[in-house]
């Protein structure tokens, strides 16, 4: 589960987690949420010392306007995973991301879930981030990783 396009460092990181073992990736990406999420993202930016990012939160597309950006990020990520020699499929999710994750885990009989995101301090503090919530929902180990850089 990702929230933005994977960087080359992210691809290298996730594709080498299991050594030389061939891995299939099933990627879920949720485009940026609506305005209700904007405050939490701004707080995270301030906590990371990225004041310019916090100030630009209003400029970023959200909700339905973010769908095209999400599709592009998913496409870039899938191509990068495939170029690394792995199988990769993916889809955008819009509603209830953890329900979609659980359904996918059951469909493909996944061995584990990797949640790759930027830090979200407020959500993490209250254990409301995707990884914390997924651990109680999907029935397989959930590995939380932080993205290597801003995309």
N, C-alpha and C. Protein backbone atom coordinates (compact mmCIF):
# COMPACT_ATOMS: atom_id res chain seq x y z
N UNK A 1 0.86 -1.15 0.00
CA UNK A 1 0.00 0.00 0.00
C UNK A 1 0.91 1.22 0.00
N UNK A 2 0.68 2.11 -0.97
CA UNK A 2 1.49 3.31 -1.10
C UNK A 2 0.57 4.52 -1.20
N UNK A 3 1.16 5.71 -1.01
CA UNK A 3 0.37 6.93 -1.12
C UNK A 3 0.90 7.88 -2.18
N UNK A 4 2.01 7.51 -2.82
CA UNK A 4 2.60 8.32 -3.89
C UNK A 4 3.52 7.43 -4.70
N UNK A 5 4.03 7.96 -5.80
CA UNK A 5 4.91 7.18 -6.66
C UNK A 5 6.15 6.71 -5.90
N UNK A 6 6.54 5.48 -6.16
CA UNK A 6 7.76 4.95 -5.56
C UNK A 6 8.97 5.59 -6.22
N UNK A 7 9.94 5.95 -5.41
CA UNK A 7 11.21 6.44 -5.94
C UNK A 7 12.08 5.23 -6.27
N UNK A 8 13.19 5.46 -6.96
CA UNK A 8 14.09 4.35 -7.27
C UNK A 8 14.64 3.73 -5.98
N UNK A 9 14.89 4.56 -4.97
CA UNK A 9 15.37 4.04 -3.68
C UNK A 9 14.30 3.18 -3.02
N UNK A 10 13.03 3.59 -3.11
CA UNK A 10 11.94 2.80 -2.55
C UNK A 10 11.85 1.44 -3.25
N UNK A 11 11.96 1.44 -4.56
CA UNK A 11 11.88 0.20 -5.33
C UNK A 11 13.01 -0.74 -4.94
N UNK A 12 14.21 -0.20 -4.86
CA UNK A 12 15.34 -1.03 -4.45
C UNK A 12 15.13 -1.59 -3.04
N UNK A 13 14.62 -0.76 -2.16
CA UNK A 13 14.40 -1.16 -0.78
C UNK A 13 13.40 -2.31 -0.69
N UNK A 14 12.24 -2.17 -1.31
CA UNK A 14 11.21 -3.21 -1.17
C UNK A 14 11.53 -4.45 -1.96
N UNK A 15 12.25 -4.32 -3.07
CA UNK A 15 12.56 -5.51 -3.88
C UNK A 15 13.72 -6.31 -3.33
N UNK A 16 14.47 -5.77 -2.39
CA UNK A 16 15.58 -6.51 -1.81
C UNK A 16 15.29 -7.02 -0.39
N UNK A 17 14.09 -6.78 0.09
CA UNK A 17 13.73 -7.22 1.44
C UNK A 17 13.85 -8.73 1.62
N UNK A 18 13.62 -9.48 0.55
CA UNK A 18 13.63 -10.94 0.63
C UNK A 18 14.81 -11.53 -0.12
N UNK A 19 15.89 -10.79 -0.20
CA UNK A 19 17.10 -11.28 -0.86
C UNK A 19 16.85 -11.51 -2.34
N UNK A 20 17.28 -12.66 -2.82
CA UNK A 20 17.15 -12.98 -4.25
C UNK A 20 15.83 -13.67 -4.57
N UNK A 21 15.00 -13.87 -3.58
CA UNK A 21 13.71 -14.53 -3.79
C UNK A 21 12.83 -13.68 -4.70
N UNK A 22 12.22 -14.31 -5.69
CA UNK A 22 11.32 -13.59 -6.60
C UNK A 22 10.01 -13.27 -5.87
N UNK A 23 9.58 -12.03 -6.01
CA UNK A 23 8.42 -11.55 -5.28
C UNK A 23 7.42 -10.95 -6.26
N UNK A 24 6.15 -11.15 -6.00
CA UNK A 24 5.09 -10.49 -6.77
C UNK A 24 4.50 -9.38 -5.91
N UNK A 25 4.35 -8.22 -6.51
CA UNK A 25 3.80 -7.08 -5.80
C UNK A 25 2.39 -6.79 -6.30
N UNK A 26 1.49 -6.56 -5.37
CA UNK A 26 0.13 -6.13 -5.66
C UNK A 26 -0.04 -4.79 -4.95
N UNK A 27 0.00 -3.73 -5.73
CA UNK A 27 0.09 -2.39 -5.18
C UNK A 27 -1.28 -1.72 -5.12
N UNK A 28 -1.58 -1.16 -3.97
CA UNK A 28 -2.77 -0.33 -3.81
C UNK A 28 -2.32 1.09 -3.53
N UNK A 29 -2.92 2.04 -4.21
CA UNK A 29 -2.61 3.44 -3.99
C UNK A 29 -3.92 4.19 -3.81
N UNK A 30 -4.00 4.95 -2.75
CA UNK A 30 -5.17 5.80 -2.53
C UNK A 30 -4.77 7.23 -2.84
N UNK A 31 -5.45 7.86 -3.83
CA UNK A 31 -5.15 9.27 -4.10
C UNK A 31 -5.39 10.11 -2.85
N UNK A 32 -4.80 11.28 -2.84
CA UNK A 32 -4.94 12.18 -1.68
C UNK A 32 -6.40 12.34 -1.32
N UNK A 33 -6.64 12.37 -0.02
CA UNK A 33 -8.00 12.49 0.49
C UNK A 33 -8.58 13.88 0.31
N UNK A 34 -9.63 14.12 1.02
CA UNK A 34 -10.30 15.40 0.89
C UNK A 34 -9.71 16.42 1.86
N UNK A 35 -10.36 17.56 1.96
CA UNK A 35 -9.83 18.65 2.77
C UNK A 35 -9.68 18.29 4.24
N UNK A 36 -10.44 17.33 4.72
CA UNK A 36 -10.35 16.96 6.13
C UNK A 36 -8.95 16.44 6.48
N UNK A 37 -8.27 15.87 5.50
CA UNK A 37 -6.92 15.34 5.73
C UNK A 37 -5.85 16.43 5.65
N UNK A 38 -6.20 17.56 5.09
CA UNK A 38 -5.23 18.63 4.85
C UNK A 38 -4.55 19.11 6.13
N UNK A 39 -5.31 19.28 7.19
CA UNK A 39 -4.74 19.75 8.45
C UNK A 39 -3.71 18.76 8.99
N UNK A 40 -4.03 17.48 8.95
CA UNK A 40 -3.08 16.48 9.44
C UNK A 40 -1.80 16.49 8.61
N UNK A 41 -1.92 16.63 7.31
CA UNK A 41 -0.73 16.68 6.45
C UNK A 41 0.10 17.92 6.77
N UNK A 42 -0.56 19.04 7.00
CA UNK A 42 0.16 20.28 7.32
C UNK A 42 0.89 20.14 8.66
N UNK A 43 0.26 19.52 9.64
CA UNK A 43 0.90 19.30 10.94
C UNK A 43 2.13 18.42 10.76
N UNK A 44 2.01 17.36 9.96
CA UNK A 44 3.15 16.49 9.69
C UNK A 44 4.29 17.27 9.03
N UNK A 45 3.95 18.12 8.07
CA UNK A 45 4.98 18.92 7.40
C UNK A 45 5.69 19.83 8.40
N UNK A 46 4.94 20.49 9.27
CA UNK A 46 5.53 21.36 10.28
C UNK A 46 6.42 20.55 11.21
N UNK A 47 5.95 19.38 11.64
CA UNK A 47 6.73 18.53 12.54
C UNK A 47 8.05 18.10 11.90
N UNK A 48 8.06 17.95 10.59
CA UNK A 48 9.27 17.56 9.87
C UNK A 48 10.14 18.77 9.52
N UNK A 49 9.67 19.97 9.89
CA UNK A 49 10.43 21.18 9.60
C UNK A 49 10.27 21.64 8.16
N UNK A 50 9.26 21.15 7.48
CA UNK A 50 9.04 21.50 6.08
C UNK A 50 7.92 22.53 5.98
N UNK A 51 8.22 23.73 6.41
CA UNK A 51 7.23 24.79 6.45
C UNK A 51 6.72 25.16 5.06
N UNK A 52 7.60 25.12 4.06
CA UNK A 52 7.17 25.42 2.70
C UNK A 52 6.13 24.41 2.22
N UNK A 53 6.35 23.14 2.56
CA UNK A 53 5.39 22.10 2.18
C UNK A 53 4.04 22.35 2.86
N UNK A 54 4.06 22.71 4.12
CA UNK A 54 2.82 22.98 4.85
C UNK A 54 2.06 24.13 4.20
N UNK A 55 2.78 25.15 3.77
CA UNK A 55 2.14 26.30 3.14
C UNK A 55 1.55 25.95 1.78
N UNK A 56 2.11 24.94 1.10
CA UNK A 56 1.63 24.56 -0.23
C UNK A 56 0.52 23.50 -0.20
N UNK A 57 0.10 23.07 0.96
CA UNK A 57 -0.94 22.05 1.05
C UNK A 57 -2.20 22.43 0.29
N UNK A 58 -2.55 23.69 0.31
CA UNK A 58 -3.79 24.13 -0.36
C UNK A 58 -3.69 24.04 -1.87
N UNK A 59 -2.49 23.99 -2.41
CA UNK A 59 -2.29 23.98 -3.86
C UNK A 59 -2.40 22.58 -4.46
N UNK A 60 -2.34 21.56 -3.66
CA UNK A 60 -2.31 20.19 -4.16
C UNK A 60 -3.72 19.67 -4.43
N UNK A 61 -3.88 18.93 -5.53
CA UNK A 61 -5.22 18.40 -5.83
C UNK A 61 -5.63 17.35 -4.80
N UNK A 62 -6.93 17.32 -4.52
CA UNK A 62 -7.47 16.39 -3.54
C UNK A 62 -8.75 15.78 -4.07
N UNK A 63 -9.16 14.71 -3.44
CA UNK A 63 -10.40 14.07 -3.81
C UNK A 63 -10.40 13.64 -5.27
N UNK A 64 -11.48 13.92 -5.98
CA UNK A 64 -11.60 13.52 -7.39
C UNK A 64 -10.53 14.17 -8.26
N UNK A 65 -10.11 15.37 -7.92
CA UNK A 65 -9.07 16.06 -8.69
C UNK A 65 -7.72 15.35 -8.59
N UNK A 66 -7.53 14.55 -7.57
CA UNK A 66 -6.26 13.86 -7.37
C UNK A 66 -6.20 12.51 -8.08
N UNK A 67 -7.29 12.08 -8.67
CA UNK A 67 -7.33 10.77 -9.32
C UNK A 67 -6.28 10.64 -10.43
N UNK A 68 -6.17 11.64 -11.30
CA UNK A 68 -5.19 11.58 -12.38
C UNK A 68 -3.77 11.49 -11.87
N UNK A 69 -3.47 12.25 -10.83
CA UNK A 69 -2.14 12.20 -10.21
C UNK A 69 -1.90 10.81 -9.62
N UNK A 70 -2.92 10.26 -8.99
CA UNK A 70 -2.81 8.91 -8.42
C UNK A 70 -2.58 7.85 -9.48
N UNK A 71 -3.30 7.95 -10.60
CA UNK A 71 -3.12 6.98 -11.69
C UNK A 71 -1.70 7.04 -12.24
N UNK A 72 -1.20 8.25 -12.38
CA UNK A 72 0.17 8.41 -12.87
C UNK A 72 1.18 7.84 -11.88
N UNK A 73 1.00 8.11 -10.60
CA UNK A 73 1.91 7.59 -9.57
C UNK A 73 1.88 6.07 -9.54
N UNK A 74 0.71 5.49 -9.69
CA UNK A 74 0.59 4.03 -9.71
C UNK A 74 1.30 3.46 -10.93
N UNK A 75 1.10 4.06 -12.09
CA UNK A 75 1.73 3.59 -13.32
C UNK A 75 3.26 3.64 -13.21
N UNK A 76 3.78 4.75 -12.71
CA UNK A 76 5.24 4.89 -12.54
C UNK A 76 5.77 3.82 -11.59
N UNK A 77 5.06 3.58 -10.52
CA UNK A 77 5.49 2.60 -9.52
C UNK A 77 5.48 1.19 -10.08
N UNK A 78 4.42 0.84 -10.81
CA UNK A 78 4.34 -0.51 -11.38
C UNK A 78 5.43 -0.74 -12.42
N UNK A 79 5.67 0.26 -13.27
CA UNK A 79 6.74 0.12 -14.26
C UNK A 79 8.09 -0.06 -13.59
N UNK A 80 8.34 0.68 -12.52
CA UNK A 80 9.62 0.57 -11.81
C UNK A 80 9.78 -0.80 -11.16
N UNK A 81 8.72 -1.31 -10.56
CA UNK A 81 8.79 -2.65 -9.94
C UNK A 81 9.03 -3.72 -11.00
N UNK A 82 8.36 -3.61 -12.13
CA UNK A 82 8.55 -4.58 -13.22
C UNK A 82 9.95 -4.49 -13.80
N UNK A 83 10.47 -3.27 -13.93
CA UNK A 83 11.82 -3.08 -14.46
C UNK A 83 12.87 -3.69 -13.55
N UNK A 84 12.53 -3.87 -12.28
CA UNK A 84 13.47 -4.49 -11.34
C UNK A 84 13.44 -6.01 -11.43
N UNK A 85 12.59 -6.54 -12.33
CA UNK A 85 12.53 -7.99 -12.53
C UNK A 85 11.46 -8.69 -11.73
N UNK A 86 10.53 -7.95 -11.18
CA UNK A 86 9.46 -8.54 -10.37
C UNK A 86 8.12 -8.39 -11.08
N UNK A 87 7.18 -9.23 -10.70
CA UNK A 87 5.82 -9.09 -11.18
C UNK A 87 5.14 -8.01 -10.35
N UNK A 88 4.33 -7.20 -11.01
CA UNK A 88 3.63 -6.13 -10.28
C UNK A 88 2.30 -5.83 -10.96
N UNK A 89 1.27 -5.77 -10.13
CA UNK A 89 -0.06 -5.35 -10.54
C UNK A 89 -0.50 -4.29 -9.55
N UNK A 90 -1.49 -3.51 -9.93
CA UNK A 90 -1.94 -2.51 -8.99
C UNK A 90 -3.25 -1.89 -9.37
N UNK A 91 -3.80 -1.16 -8.41
CA UNK A 91 -5.05 -0.44 -8.65
C UNK A 91 -5.20 0.70 -7.65
N UNK A 92 -5.97 1.67 -8.09
CA UNK A 92 -6.32 2.77 -7.20
C UNK A 92 -7.47 2.32 -6.31
N UNK A 93 -7.47 2.83 -5.10
CA UNK A 93 -8.59 2.57 -4.21
C UNK A 93 -9.14 3.92 -3.78
N UNK A 94 -10.43 3.97 -3.64
CA UNK A 94 -11.04 5.25 -3.31
C UNK A 94 -11.71 5.22 -1.95
N UNK A 95 -12.48 4.22 -1.69
CA UNK A 95 -13.21 4.14 -0.43
C UNK A 95 -12.68 2.98 0.40
N UNK A 96 -12.62 3.17 1.68
CA UNK A 96 -12.29 2.11 2.63
C UNK A 96 -11.01 1.35 2.23
N UNK A 97 -9.87 2.02 2.30
CA UNK A 97 -8.62 1.38 1.86
C UNK A 97 -8.28 0.11 2.62
N UNK A 98 -8.61 0.03 3.88
CA UNK A 98 -8.27 -1.18 4.63
C UNK A 98 -9.17 -2.35 4.24
N UNK A 99 -10.41 -2.08 3.87
CA UNK A 99 -11.27 -3.14 3.35
C UNK A 99 -10.72 -3.65 2.02
N UNK A 100 -10.29 -2.73 1.16
CA UNK A 100 -9.70 -3.12 -0.12
C UNK A 100 -8.42 -3.93 0.11
N UNK A 101 -7.63 -3.55 1.09
CA UNK A 101 -6.41 -4.27 1.40
C UNK A 101 -6.72 -5.68 1.88
N UNK A 102 -7.67 -5.81 2.76
CA UNK A 102 -8.03 -7.14 3.26
C UNK A 102 -8.56 -8.03 2.14
N UNK A 103 -9.38 -7.47 1.28
CA UNK A 103 -9.89 -8.23 0.13
C UNK A 103 -8.75 -8.69 -0.76
N UNK A 104 -7.80 -7.81 -1.03
CA UNK A 104 -6.66 -8.18 -1.87
C UNK A 104 -5.81 -9.25 -1.22
N UNK A 105 -5.55 -9.12 0.07
CA UNK A 105 -4.76 -10.12 0.80
C UNK A 105 -5.42 -11.49 0.66
N UNK A 106 -6.73 -11.54 0.81
CA UNK A 106 -7.46 -12.80 0.67
C UNK A 106 -7.42 -13.32 -0.76
N UNK A 107 -7.62 -12.43 -1.75
CA UNK A 107 -7.64 -12.82 -3.16
C UNK A 107 -6.33 -13.44 -3.61
N UNK A 108 -5.22 -12.81 -3.25
CA UNK A 108 -3.92 -13.26 -3.76
C UNK A 108 -3.18 -14.14 -2.75
N UNK A 109 -3.79 -14.38 -1.61
CA UNK A 109 -3.17 -15.16 -0.54
C UNK A 109 -1.79 -14.60 -0.20
N UNK A 110 -1.77 -13.31 0.09
CA UNK A 110 -0.52 -12.61 0.38
C UNK A 110 0.14 -13.15 1.64
N UNK A 111 1.46 -13.15 1.63
CA UNK A 111 2.23 -13.57 2.80
C UNK A 111 2.46 -12.43 3.77
N UNK A 112 2.49 -11.21 3.24
CA UNK A 112 2.71 -10.04 4.08
C UNK A 112 2.21 -8.79 3.36
N UNK A 113 2.09 -7.73 4.13
CA UNK A 113 1.70 -6.43 3.59
C UNK A 113 2.82 -5.45 3.91
N UNK A 114 3.17 -4.65 2.92
CA UNK A 114 4.13 -3.57 3.13
C UNK A 114 3.36 -2.26 2.97
N UNK A 115 3.43 -1.42 3.97
CA UNK A 115 2.83 -0.08 3.91
C UNK A 115 4.00 0.89 3.81
N UNK A 116 4.10 1.58 2.68
CA UNK A 116 5.21 2.50 2.43
C UNK A 116 4.64 3.91 2.33
N UNK A 117 4.94 4.73 3.33
CA UNK A 117 4.38 6.09 3.39
C UNK A 117 5.43 7.07 3.90
N UNK A 118 5.07 8.33 3.83
CA UNK A 118 5.82 9.36 4.54
C UNK A 118 5.41 9.26 6.01
N UNK A 119 6.19 9.81 6.91
CA UNK A 119 5.77 9.83 8.32
C UNK A 119 4.49 10.65 8.49
N UNK A 120 3.60 10.15 9.31
CA UNK A 120 2.36 10.85 9.65
C UNK A 120 2.25 10.84 11.17
N UNK A 121 2.90 11.81 11.78
CA UNK A 121 3.08 11.79 13.23
C UNK A 121 1.78 11.79 14.03
N UNK A 122 0.83 12.59 13.64
CA UNK A 122 -0.42 12.64 14.40
C UNK A 122 -1.13 11.30 14.33
N UNK A 123 -1.28 10.75 13.13
CA UNK A 123 -1.95 9.47 12.97
C UNK A 123 -1.18 8.34 13.67
N UNK A 124 0.13 8.37 13.56
CA UNK A 124 0.94 7.33 14.20
C UNK A 124 0.84 7.40 15.72
N UNK A 125 0.83 8.60 16.25
CA UNK A 125 0.74 8.75 17.70
C UNK A 125 -0.53 8.09 18.25
N UNK A 126 -1.62 8.25 17.50
CA UNK A 126 -2.89 7.68 17.94
C UNK A 126 -3.16 6.29 17.33
N UNK A 127 -2.15 5.74 16.66
CA UNK A 127 -2.26 4.42 16.02
C UNK A 127 -3.41 4.38 15.03
N UNK A 128 -3.58 5.46 14.28
CA UNK A 128 -4.63 5.55 13.27
C UNK A 128 -4.05 5.54 11.87
N UNK A 129 -2.74 5.31 11.74
CA UNK A 129 -2.11 5.21 10.43
C UNK A 129 -2.48 3.88 9.79
N UNK A 130 -2.26 3.77 8.49
CA UNK A 130 -2.65 2.56 7.76
C UNK A 130 -2.02 1.30 8.34
N UNK A 131 -0.74 1.33 8.63
CA UNK A 131 -0.06 0.13 9.10
C UNK A 131 -0.63 -0.34 10.44
N UNK A 132 -0.80 0.56 11.36
CA UNK A 132 -1.34 0.18 12.68
C UNK A 132 -2.73 -0.41 12.55
N UNK A 133 -3.56 0.21 11.74
CA UNK A 133 -4.92 -0.28 11.57
C UNK A 133 -4.95 -1.59 10.78
N UNK A 134 -4.06 -1.72 9.79
CA UNK A 134 -4.03 -2.94 8.98
C UNK A 134 -3.62 -4.16 9.81
N UNK A 135 -2.77 -3.96 10.80
CA UNK A 135 -2.33 -5.07 11.63
C UNK A 135 -3.50 -5.78 12.32
N UNK A 136 -4.58 -5.06 12.54
CA UNK A 136 -5.75 -5.63 13.20
C UNK A 136 -6.78 -6.14 12.22
N UNK A 137 -6.49 -5.98 10.92
CA UNK A 137 -7.53 -6.27 9.94
C UNK A 137 -7.17 -7.34 8.92
N UNK A 138 -5.92 -7.45 8.51
CA UNK A 138 -5.60 -8.25 7.33
C UNK A 138 -5.19 -9.69 7.60
N UNK A 139 -4.77 -10.02 8.79
CA UNK A 139 -4.46 -11.40 9.11
C UNK A 139 -3.10 -11.91 8.66
N UNK A 140 -2.24 -11.01 8.16
CA UNK A 140 -0.86 -11.36 7.81
C UNK A 140 0.05 -10.29 8.40
N UNK A 141 1.35 -10.58 8.50
CA UNK A 141 2.26 -9.55 9.03
C UNK A 141 2.22 -8.28 8.19
N UNK A 142 2.32 -7.14 8.86
CA UNK A 142 2.32 -5.84 8.20
C UNK A 142 3.64 -5.15 8.53
N UNK A 143 4.38 -4.81 7.49
CA UNK A 143 5.65 -4.12 7.63
C UNK A 143 5.46 -2.66 7.24
N UNK A 144 5.80 -1.77 8.14
CA UNK A 144 5.67 -0.34 7.88
C UNK A 144 7.04 0.22 7.51
N UNK A 145 7.12 0.86 6.36
CA UNK A 145 8.35 1.46 5.88
C UNK A 145 8.09 2.91 5.53
N UNK A 146 9.11 3.74 5.70
CA UNK A 146 9.01 5.13 5.32
C UNK A 146 9.66 5.34 3.97
N UNK A 147 9.01 6.11 3.14
CA UNK A 147 9.52 6.44 1.83
C UNK A 147 10.87 7.13 1.96
N UNK A 148 11.75 6.90 1.00
CA UNK A 148 13.09 7.45 1.07
C UNK A 148 13.19 8.92 0.74
N UNK A 149 12.24 9.45 0.00
CA UNK A 149 12.31 10.87 -0.32
C UNK A 149 10.95 11.35 -0.76
N UNK A 150 10.81 12.66 -0.81
CA UNK A 150 9.56 13.25 -1.28
C UNK A 150 9.45 13.04 -2.79
N UNK A 151 8.24 12.73 -3.24
CA UNK A 151 8.02 12.57 -4.69
C UNK A 151 7.13 13.69 -5.18
